[in-house]
Amino acid sequence: MPSDHPDRRPVLVIEHQATCPPGWLGEWLTDEGLTLDIRRPYAAAPQSDSPHYLPSGLAAYCALVVLGGSMGANDDATVGWLGPVKKLIREAAERELPTLGVCLGHQLAAVALGGRVEPNPRGQTMGLQHVPWTTAAHTDPVLGPVAGRDGPNTVAVQWNNDIVVAEPAGSTALARAGTGELLAARFAPTVWGVQWHPEAGADLIGPWADKDRAAARDRGVDVDAVVGAVRAAEPALRHTWSRLARGFAAAVSTTR
């Protein structure tokens, strides 16, 4: 269906694995009139003309969204498309193309632009977590509509082992955990990253919980209870994070 958005170019969406799809975020961006070109490089056969290959550049796109995945932001040697994704993020920053990184995408954006990502010394974070906004978040064009309305009551779904430990030069922190971890940032004038999963409800995180069940049990974490809490919070999560999608779509309109 043709986009009703003023910029007719599609949004390039990079999906790193089948269990980390665009989810609610894809739904909301489409509702905002944006067309999504979802590329799945993990599904592209070598030396084929697969539509899942990453494009060589971003001239044909109005925005970039980089989703999450279980690999690490520094795994270029074993995940062949991560280097090209970082190159696209740098191009997006240079073009001032609106870019949103989610979890792994947040970490890839940080590394691509000169930051550093390492395993969280406090271990894995999973499930519902509060988002402690910085003062800068309240006037941010993408996250301001959330921070300004929900403030200290904002909750989000996190599921990550790694964190950004050094931010690129010129970054603006938009949310930071009480223990210091960067949770959201504007890494460049049009490049945003969020450590949490605005796209995820209980059905989406179910396979993640199954995969991490044994390790979580060893830490005394009941993943079924975690998933249940996310399911109960779904109406509030959808209400909150649909505003992020609207903010991002507005940024596309502003910078087209």
C-alpha atoms as a PDB file:
ATOM      1  CA  MET A   1       0.000   0.000   0.000  1.00  0.00           C
ATOM      2  CA  PRO A   2       1.524   3.388  -0.916  1.00  0.00           C
ATOM      3  CA  SER A   3       2.662   5.565   1.943  1.00  0.00           C
ATOM      4  CA  ASP A   4       0.630   8.650   2.890  1.00  0.00           C
ATOM      5  CA  HIS A   5       3.706  10.147   4.525  1.00  0.00           C
ATOM      6  CA  PRO A   6       5.086  13.305   2.877  1.00  0.00           C
ATOM      7  CA  ASP A   7       8.404  11.556   2.176  1.00  0.00           C
ATOM      8  CA  ARG A   8       7.584   8.668  -0.172  1.00  0.00           C
ATOM      9  CA  ARG A   9      10.914   6.947   0.298  1.00  0.00           C
ATOM     10  CA  PRO A  10      10.748   3.899   2.593  1.00  0.00           C
ATOM     11  CA  VAL A  11      12.340   3.411   5.985  1.00  0.00           C
ATOM     12  CA  LEU A  12      15.154   0.872   5.894  1.00  0.00           C
ATOM     13  CA  VAL A  13      14.613  -1.570   8.770  1.00  0.00           C
ATOM     14  CA  ILE A  14      17.425  -4.011   9.591  1.00  0.00           C
ATOM     15  CA  GLU A  15      16.303  -7.195  11.357  1.00  0.00           C
ATOM     16  CA  HIS A  16      19.139  -9.293  12.793  1.00  0.00           C
ATOM     17  CA  GLN A  17      17.213 -12.472  13.596  1.00  0.00           C
ATOM     18  CA  ALA A  18      13.729 -13.889  13.179  1.00  0.00           C
ATOM     19  CA  THR A  19      12.913 -13.662  16.898  1.00  0.00           C
ATOM     20  CA  CYS A  20      13.585  -9.883  16.914  1.00  0.00           C
ATOM     21  CA  PRO A  21      11.121  -8.485  14.344  1.00  0.00           C
ATOM     22  CA  PRO A  22       9.830  -4.889  14.202  1.00  0.00           C
ATOM     23  CA  GLY A  23       6.801  -5.895  16.293  1.00  0.00           C
ATOM     24  CA  TRP A  24       4.707  -3.014  17.569  1.00  0.00           C
ATOM     25  CA  LEU A  25       7.224  -0.469  16.278  1.00  0.00           C
ATOM     26  CA  GLY A  26       6.665  -1.604  12.705  1.00  0.00           C
ATOM     27  CA  GLU A  27       2.917  -1.419  13.224  1.00  0.00           C
ATOM     28  CA  TRP A  28       3.089   2.108  14.618  1.00  0.00           C
ATOM     29  CA  LEU A  29       5.444   3.470  11.958  1.00  0.00           C
ATOM     30  CA  THR A  30       3.154   2.074   9.273  1.00  0.00           C
ATOM     31  CA  ASP A  31       0.187   3.708  10.993  1.00  0.00           C
ATOM     32  CA  GLU A  32       2.118   6.999  10.767  1.00  0.00           C
ATOM     33  CA  GLY A  33       2.171   6.646   6.982  1.00  0.00           C
ATOM     34  CA  LEU A  34       5.700   5.303   6.576  1.00  0.00           C
ATOM     35  CA  THR A  35       6.569   2.391   4.292  1.00  0.00           C
ATOM     36  CA  LEU A  36       9.046  -0.156   5.680  1.00  0.00           C
ATOM     37  CA  ASP A  37      11.701  -1.967   3.660  1.00  0.00           C
ATOM     38  CA  ILE A  38      12.684  -4.761   6.068  1.00  0.00           C
ATOM     39  CA  ARG A  39      16.022  -6.394   5.302  1.00  0.00           C
ATOM     40  CA  ARG A  40      16.995  -9.666   6.957  1.00  0.00           C
ATOM     41  CA  PRO A  41      20.679 -10.211   6.172  1.00  0.00           C
ATOM     42  CA  TYR A  42      20.724 -13.435   8.206  1.00  0.00           C
ATOM     43  CA  ALA A  43      18.333 -14.886   5.607  1.00  0.00           C
ATOM     44  CA  ALA A  44      20.320 -13.833   2.531  1.00  0.00           C
ATOM     45  CA  ALA A  45      22.029 -16.721   0.747  1.00  0.00           C
ATOM     46  CA  PRO A  46      25.633 -15.994  -0.247  1.00  0.00           C
ATOM     47  CA  GLN A  47      26.101 -14.809  -3.837  1.00  0.00           C
ATOM     48  CA  SER A  48      22.372 -14.543  -4.461  1.00  0.00           C
ATOM     49  CA  ASP A  49      20.129 -11.658  -5.477  1.00  0.00           C
ATOM     50  CA  SER A  50      18.199 -11.998  -2.237  1.00  0.00           C
ATOM     51  CA  PRO A  51      16.032  -8.986  -1.318  1.00  0.00           C
ATOM     52  CA  HIS A  52      17.439  -9.353   2.187  1.00  0.00           C
ATOM     53  CA  TYR A  53      20.878  -8.092   1.261  1.00  0.00           C
ATOM     54  CA  LEU A  54      21.687  -4.743   2.803  1.00  0.00           C
ATOM     55  CA  PRO A  55      21.724  -1.827   0.369  1.00  0.00           C
ATOM     56  CA  SER A  56      25.073  -0.231  -0.380  1.00  0.00           C
ATOM     57  CA  GLY A  57      23.808   3.200   0.649  1.00  0.00           C
ATOM     58  CA  LEU A  58      20.854   5.177   1.942  1.00  0.00           C
ATOM     59  CA  ALA A  59      19.983   7.555  -0.894  1.00  0.00           C
ATOM     60  CA  ALA A  60      16.733   5.679  -1.530  1.00  0.00           C
ATOM     61  CA  TYR A  61      15.560   5.870   2.104  1.00  0.00           C
ATOM     62  CA  CYS A  62      13.987   8.478   4.361  1.00  0.00           C
ATOM     63  CA  ALA A  63      15.104   6.876   7.655  1.00  0.00           C
ATOM     64  CA  LEU A  64      16.933   3.940   9.222  1.00  0.00           C
ATOM     65  CA  VAL A  65      15.811   1.607  12.025  1.00  0.00           C
ATOM     66  CA  VAL A  66      18.225  -0.996  13.414  1.00  0.00           C
ATOM     67  CA  LEU A  67      16.590  -3.658  15.570  1.00  0.00           C
ATOM     68  CA  GLY A  68      17.858  -5.925  18.350  1.00  0.00           C
ATOM     69  CA  GLY A  69      19.495  -9.333  18.306  1.00  0.00           C
ATOM     70  CA  SER A  70      21.350 -11.803  20.495  1.00  0.00           C
ATOM     71  CA  MET A  71      24.754 -11.134  18.909  1.00  0.00           C
ATOM     72  CA  GLY A  72      27.083  -8.488  20.270  1.00  0.00           C
ATOM     73  CA  ALA A  73      27.843  -5.108  18.731  1.00  0.00           C
ATOM     74  CA  ASN A  74      31.523  -6.104  18.422  1.00  0.00           C
ATOM     75  CA  ASP A  75      30.900  -9.481  16.734  1.00  0.00           C
ATOM     76  CA  ASP A  76      31.877  -8.303  13.243  1.00  0.00           C
ATOM     77  CA  ALA A  77      34.214 -11.269  12.740  1.00  0.00           C
ATOM     78  CA  THR A  78      31.432 -13.822  13.208  1.00  0.00           C
ATOM     79  CA  VAL A  79      28.378 -11.844  12.025  1.00  0.00           C
ATOM     80  CA  GLY A  80      29.317 -10.614   8.587  1.00  0.00           C
ATOM     81  CA  TRP A  81      26.694  -7.914   8.187  1.00  0.00           C
ATOM     82  CA  LEU A  82      27.491  -5.942  11.342  1.00  0.00           C
ATOM     83  CA  GLY A  83      30.317  -3.997   9.693  1.00  0.00           C
ATOM     84  CA  PRO A  84      28.062  -2.904   6.799  1.00  0.00           C
ATOM     85  CA  VAL A  85      25.326  -1.940   9.279  1.00  0.00           C
ATOM     86  CA  LYS A  86      27.762   0.314  11.136  1.00  0.00           C
ATOM     87  CA  LYS A  87      28.759   1.864   7.815  1.00  0.00           C
ATOM     88  CA  LEU A  88      25.107   2.604   7.071  1.00  0.00           C
ATOM     89  CA  ILE A  89      24.697   4.191  10.514  1.00  0.00           C
ATOM     90  CA  ARG A  90      27.687   6.455   9.854  1.00  0.00           C
ATOM     91  CA  GLU A  91      26.226   7.400   6.481  1.00  0.00           C
ATOM     92  CA  ALA A  92      22.875   8.138   8.115  1.00  0.00           C
ATOM     93  CA  ALA A  93      24.587  10.446  10.605  1.00  0.00           C
ATOM     94  CA  GLU A  94      26.448  12.237   7.806  1.00  0.00           C
ATOM     95  CA  ARG A  95      23.257  12.618   5.750  1.00  0.00           C
ATOM     96  CA  GLU A  96      21.315  13.683   8.863  1.00  0.00           C
ATOM     97  CA  LEU A  97      18.884  10.865   8.142  1.00  0.00           C
ATOM     98  CA  PRO A  98      16.630  10.003  11.115  1.00  0.00           C
ATOM     99  CA  THR A  99      17.943   6.795  12.672  1.00  0.00           C
ATOM    100  CA  LEU A 100      16.663   4.732  15.577  1.00  0.00           C
ATOM    101  CA  GLY A 101      18.615   1.896  17.166  1.00  0.00           C
ATOM    102  CA  VAL A 102      16.834  -0.585  19.435  1.00  0.00           C
ATOM    103  CA  CYS A 103      18.881  -2.563  21.995  1.00  0.00           C
ATOM    104  CA  LEU A 104      21.587  -4.088  19.771  1.00  0.00           C
ATOM    105  CA  GLY A 105      20.823  -1.290  17.303  1.00  0.00           C
ATOM    106  CA  HIS A 106      21.458   1.240  20.083  1.00  0.00           C
ATOM    107  CA  GLN A 107      24.793  -0.418  20.813  1.00  0.00           C
ATOM    108  CA  LEU A 108      25.738  -0.628  17.120  1.00  0.00           C
ATOM    109  CA  ALA A 109      25.020   3.080  16.711  1.00  0.00           C
ATOM    110  CA  ALA A 110      27.251   3.870  19.680  1.00  0.00           C
ATOM    111  CA  VAL A 111      30.135   1.779  18.333  1.00  0.00           C
ATOM    112  CA  ALA A 112      29.703   3.012  14.763  1.00  0.00           C
ATOM    113  CA  LEU A 113      30.017   6.622  15.885  1.00  0.00           C
ATOM    114  CA  GLY A 114      33.029   6.144  18.143  1.00  0.00           C
ATOM    115  CA  GLY A 115      31.681   4.747  21.422  1.00  0.00           C
ATOM    116  CA  ARG A 116      32.331   1.463  23.187  1.00  0.00           C
ATOM    117  CA  VAL A 117      30.121  -1.471  24.203  1.00  0.00           C
ATOM    118  CA  GLU A 118      30.971  -4.168  26.766  1.00  0.00           C
ATOM    119  CA  PRO A 119      29.132  -6.832  28.778  1.00  0.00           C
ATOM    120  CA  ASN A 120      27.245  -5.392  31.722  1.00  0.00           C
ATOM    121  CA  PRO A 121      29.264  -6.268  34.848  1.00  0.00           C
ATOM    122  CA  ARG A 122      25.961  -6.520  36.740  1.00  0.00           C
ATOM    123  CA  GLY A 123      24.758  -9.265  34.400  1.00  0.00           C
ATOM    124  CA  GLN A 124      21.712  -9.616  32.218  1.00  0.00           C
ATOM    125  CA  THR A 125      18.786  -7.215  32.510  1.00  0.00           C
ATOM    126  CA  MET A 126      15.359  -8.563  31.611  1.00  0.00           C
ATOM    127  CA  GLY A 127      11.728  -7.573  31.901  1.00  0.00           C
ATOM    128  CA  LEU A 128      10.008  -4.381  32.988  1.00  0.00           C
ATOM    129  CA  GLN A 129      12.337  -1.599  34.126  1.00  0.00           C
ATOM    130  CA  HIS A 130      11.779   2.049  34.962  1.00  0.00           C
ATOM    131  CA  VAL A 131      13.304   4.643  32.630  1.00  0.00           C
ATOM    132  CA  PRO A 132      15.070   7.452  34.539  1.00  0.00           C
ATOM    133  CA  TRP A 133      14.999  10.352  32.060  1.00  0.00           C
ATOM    134  CA  THR A 134      17.642  13.055  31.967  1.00  0.00           C
ATOM    135  CA  THR A 135      16.678  16.712  31.793  1.00  0.00           C
ATOM    136  CA  ALA A 136      17.645  16.758  28.101  1.00  0.00           C
ATOM    137  CA  ALA A 137      15.050  14.090  27.303  1.00  0.00           C
ATOM    138  CA  HIS A 138      12.145  16.424  28.005  1.00  0.00           C
ATOM    139  CA  THR A 139      12.960  18.620  25.017  1.00  0.00           C
ATOM    140  CA  ASP A 140      14.138  15.854  22.696  1.00  0.00           C
ATOM    141  CA  PRO A 141      12.103  15.731  19.470  1.00  0.00           C
ATOM    142  CA  VAL A 142      11.717  11.936  19.493  1.00  0.00           C
ATOM    143  CA  LEU A 143      11.680  10.932  23.164  1.00  0.00           C
ATOM    144  CA  GLY A 144      10.374  14.184  24.597  1.00  0.00           C
ATOM    145  CA  PRO A 145       6.725  13.208  23.969  1.00  0.00           C
ATOM    146  CA  VAL A 146       7.278  10.213  26.265  1.00  0.00           C
ATOM    147  CA  ALA A 147       9.527  11.777  28.891  1.00  0.00           C
ATOM    148  CA  GLY A 148       7.374  14.861  29.200  1.00  0.00           C
ATOM    149  CA  ARG A 149       4.183  12.921  29.727  1.00  0.00           C
ATOM    150  CA  ASP A 150       5.136   9.795  31.686  1.00  0.00           C
ATOM    151  CA  GLY A 151       8.186  11.209  33.465  1.00  0.00           C
ATOM    152  CA  PRO A 152       9.378   9.012  36.362  1.00  0.00           C
ATOM    153  CA  ASN A 153       6.521   6.559  35.780  1.00  0.00           C
ATOM    154  CA  THR A 154       7.865   5.426  32.397  1.00  0.00           C
ATOM    155  CA  VAL A 155       8.466   1.677  32.147  1.00  0.00           C
ATOM    156  CA  ALA A 156       9.979  -0.316  29.306  1.00  0.00           C
ATOM    157  CA  VAL A 157      10.972  -3.872  28.453  1.00  0.00           C
ATOM    158  CA  GLN A 158      14.690  -4.582  28.635  1.00  0.00           C
ATOM    159  CA  TRP A 159      16.468  -7.768  27.592  1.00  0.00           C
ATOM    160  CA  ASN A 160      20.196  -7.305  27.252  1.00  0.00           C
ATOM    161  CA  ASN A 161      23.612  -8.480  28.348  1.00  0.00           C
ATOM    162  CA  ASP A 162      25.731  -5.644  26.931  1.00  0.00           C
ATOM    163  CA  ILE A 163      25.691  -1.911  27.567  1.00  0.00           C
ATOM    164  CA  VAL A 164      27.248   1.240  26.132  1.00  0.00           C
ATOM    165  CA  VAL A 165      30.169   2.041  28.431  1.00  0.00           C
ATOM    166  CA  ALA A 166      31.617   4.968  26.452  1.00  0.00           C
ATOM    167  CA  GLU A 167      29.445   7.339  24.457  1.00  0.00           C
ATOM    168  CA  PRO A 168      30.491   8.865  21.130  1.00  0.00           C
ATOM    169  CA  ALA A 169      31.755  12.432  21.280  1.00  0.00           C
ATOM    170  CA  GLY A 170      28.885  14.891  21.141  1.00  0.00           C
ATOM    171  CA  SER A 171      26.268  12.448  22.452  1.00  0.00           C
ATOM    172  CA  THR A 172      23.360  13.619  24.578  1.00  0.00           C
ATOM    173  CA  ALA A 173      22.265  11.157  27.257  1.00  0.00           C
ATOM    174  CA  LEU A 174      18.464  10.937  27.398  1.00  0.00           C
ATOM    175  CA  ALA A 175      18.019   8.206  30.012  1.00  0.00           C
ATOM    176  CA  ARG A 176      20.443   6.632  32.450  1.00  0.00           C
ATOM    177  CA  ALA A 177      19.902   3.900  35.027  1.00  0.00           C
ATOM    178  CA  GLY A 178      20.504   4.627  38.692  1.00  0.00           C
ATOM    179  CA  THR A 179      23.517   2.330  38.457  1.00  0.00           C
ATOM    180  CA  GLY A 180      24.935   4.434  35.616  1.00  0.00           C
ATOM    181  CA  GLU A 181      24.107   2.431  32.490  1.00  0.00           C
ATOM    182  CA  LEU A 182      23.184   4.527  29.456  1.00  0.00           C
ATOM    183  CA  LEU A 183      19.616   3.634  28.498  1.00  0.00           C
ATOM    184  CA  ALA A 184      18.918   6.150  25.737  1.00  0.00           C
ATOM    185  CA  ALA A 185      20.867   8.752  23.831  1.00  0.00           C
ATOM    186  CA  ARG A 186      20.968  11.032  20.854  1.00  0.00           C
ATOM    187  CA  PHE A 187      24.339   9.980  19.470  1.00  0.00           C
ATOM    188  CA  ALA A 188      24.257  12.509  16.623  1.00  0.00           C
ATOM    189  CA  PRO A 189      21.729  15.202  15.682  1.00  0.00           C
ATOM    190  CA  THR A 190      19.467  12.646  13.944  1.00  0.00           C
ATOM    191  CA  VAL A 191      20.647   9.337  15.465  1.00  0.00           C
ATOM    192  CA  TRP A 192      18.810   7.982  18.511  1.00  0.00           C
ATOM    193  CA  GLY A 193      19.342   4.783  20.464  1.00  0.00           C
ATOM    194  CA  VAL A 194      17.279   3.100  23.173  1.00  0.00           C
ATOM    195  CA  GLN A 195      18.546   0.162  25.212  1.00  0.00           C
ATOM    196  CA  TRP A 196      15.001  -1.095  25.793  1.00  0.00           C
ATOM    197  CA  HIS A 197      12.521  -2.758  23.415  1.00  0.00           C
ATOM    198  CA  PRO A 198       9.618  -0.434  22.561  1.00  0.00           C
ATOM    199  CA  GLU A 199       8.459  -3.007  19.996  1.00  0.00           C
ATOM    200  CA  ALA A 200       8.089  -5.912  22.417  1.00  0.00           C
ATOM    201  CA  GLY A 201       5.163  -7.443  24.243  1.00  0.00           C
ATOM    202  CA  ALA A 202       4.845 -10.818  25.949  1.00  0.00           C
ATOM    203  CA  ASP A 203       4.469 -12.843  22.756  1.00  0.00           C
ATOM    204  CA  LEU A 204       7.639 -11.371  21.295  1.00  0.00           C
ATOM    205  CA  ILE A 205       9.785 -11.891  24.395  1.00  0.00           C
ATOM    206  CA  GLY A 206       8.464 -15.420  25.007  1.00  0.00           C
ATOM    207  CA  PRO A 207      11.160 -17.099  22.846  1.00  0.00           C
ATOM    208  CA  TRP A 208      13.841 -14.941  24.501  1.00  0.00           C
ATOM    209  CA  ALA A 209      12.651 -16.146  27.895  1.00  0.00           C
ATOM    210  CA  ASP A 210      12.726 -19.779  26.776  1.00  0.00           C
ATOM    211  CA  LYS A 211      16.284 -19.371  25.492  1.00  0.00           C
ATOM    212  CA  ASP A 212      17.494 -17.762  28.731  1.00  0.00           C
ATOM    213  CA  ARG A 213      15.413 -19.880  31.116  1.00  0.00           C
ATOM    214  CA  ALA A 214      18.228 -22.042  32.519  1.00  0.00           C
ATOM    215  CA  ALA A 215      20.628 -19.153  33.071  1.00  0.00           C
ATOM    216  CA  ALA A 216      17.869 -17.073  34.670  1.00  0.00           C
ATOM    217  CA  ARG A 217      16.916 -19.929  36.998  1.00  0.00           C
ATOM    218  CA  ASP A 218      20.527 -20.103  38.165  1.00  0.00           C
ATOM    219  CA  ARG A 219      20.225 -16.412  39.140  1.00  0.00           C
ATOM    220  CA  GLY A 220      16.921 -17.005  40.885  1.00  0.00           C
ATOM    221  CA  VAL A 221      14.837 -15.294  38.167  1.00  0.00           C
ATOM    222  CA  ASP A 222      11.447 -16.747  37.194  1.00  0.00           C
ATOM    223  CA  VAL A 223      11.176 -15.924  33.490  1.00  0.00           C
ATOM    224  CA  ASP A 224       7.515 -16.961  33.386  1.00  0.00           C
ATOM    225  CA  ALA A 225       6.777 -14.305  35.997  1.00  0.00           C
ATOM    226  CA  VAL A 226       8.790 -11.795  33.948  1.00  0.00           C
ATOM    227  CA  VAL A 227       6.765 -12.558  30.828  1.00  0.00           C
ATOM    228  CA  GLY A 228       3.538 -12.437  32.810  1.00  0.00           C
ATOM    229  CA  ALA A 229       4.373  -8.985  34.134  1.00  0.00           C
ATOM    230  CA  VAL A 230       5.064  -7.762  30.614  1.00  0.00           C
ATOM    231  CA  ARG A 231       1.736  -9.180  29.415  1.00  0.00           C
ATOM    232  CA  ALA A 232      -0.116  -7.385  32.197  1.00  0.00           C
ATOM    233  CA  ALA A 233       1.624  -4.129  31.284  1.00  0.00           C
ATOM    234  CA  GLU A 234       0.979  -4.355  27.535  1.00  0.00           C
ATOM    235  CA  PRO A 235      -1.782  -1.693  27.370  1.00  0.00           C
ATOM    236  CA  ALA A 236       0.443   0.817  29.156  1.00  0.00           C
ATOM    237  CA  LEU A 237       3.497  -0.163  27.096  1.00  0.00           C
ATOM    238  CA  ARG A 238       1.638   0.291  23.829  1.00  0.00           C
ATOM    239  CA  HIS A 239       0.251   3.640  24.963  1.00  0.00           C
ATOM    240  CA  THR A 240       3.696   4.864  25.997  1.00  0.00           C
ATOM    241  CA  TRP A 241       5.890   3.654  23.157  1.00  0.00           C
ATOM    242  CA  SER A 242       3.531   4.471  20.309  1.00  0.00           C
ATOM    243  CA  ARG A 243       4.460   8.072  21.146  1.00  0.00           C
ATOM    244  CA  LEU A 244       8.101   7.279  20.385  1.00  0.00           C
ATOM    245  CA  ALA A 245       7.027   6.065  16.942  1.00  0.00           C
ATOM    246  CA  ARG A 246       5.065   9.262  16.381  1.00  0.00           C
ATOM    247  CA  GLY A 247       8.069  11.320  17.467  1.00  0.00           C
ATOM    248  CA  PHE A 248      10.342   9.434  15.081  1.00  0.00           C
ATOM    249  CA  ALA A 249       7.875   9.806  12.205  1.00  0.00           C
ATOM    250  CA  ALA A 250       7.715  13.531  12.939  1.00  0.00           C
ATOM    251  CA  ALA A 251      11.518  13.683  12.776  1.00  0.00           C
ATOM    252  CA  VAL A 252      11.334  12.086   9.325  1.00  0.00           C
ATOM    253  CA  SER A 253       8.924  14.812   8.232  1.00  0.00           C
ATOM    254  CA  THR A 254      11.162  17.531   9.629  1.00  0.00           C
ATOM    255  CA  THR A 255      14.392  16.314   8.027  1.00  0.00           C
ATOM    256  CA  ARG A 256      13.112  15.034   4.671  1.00  0.00           C
END
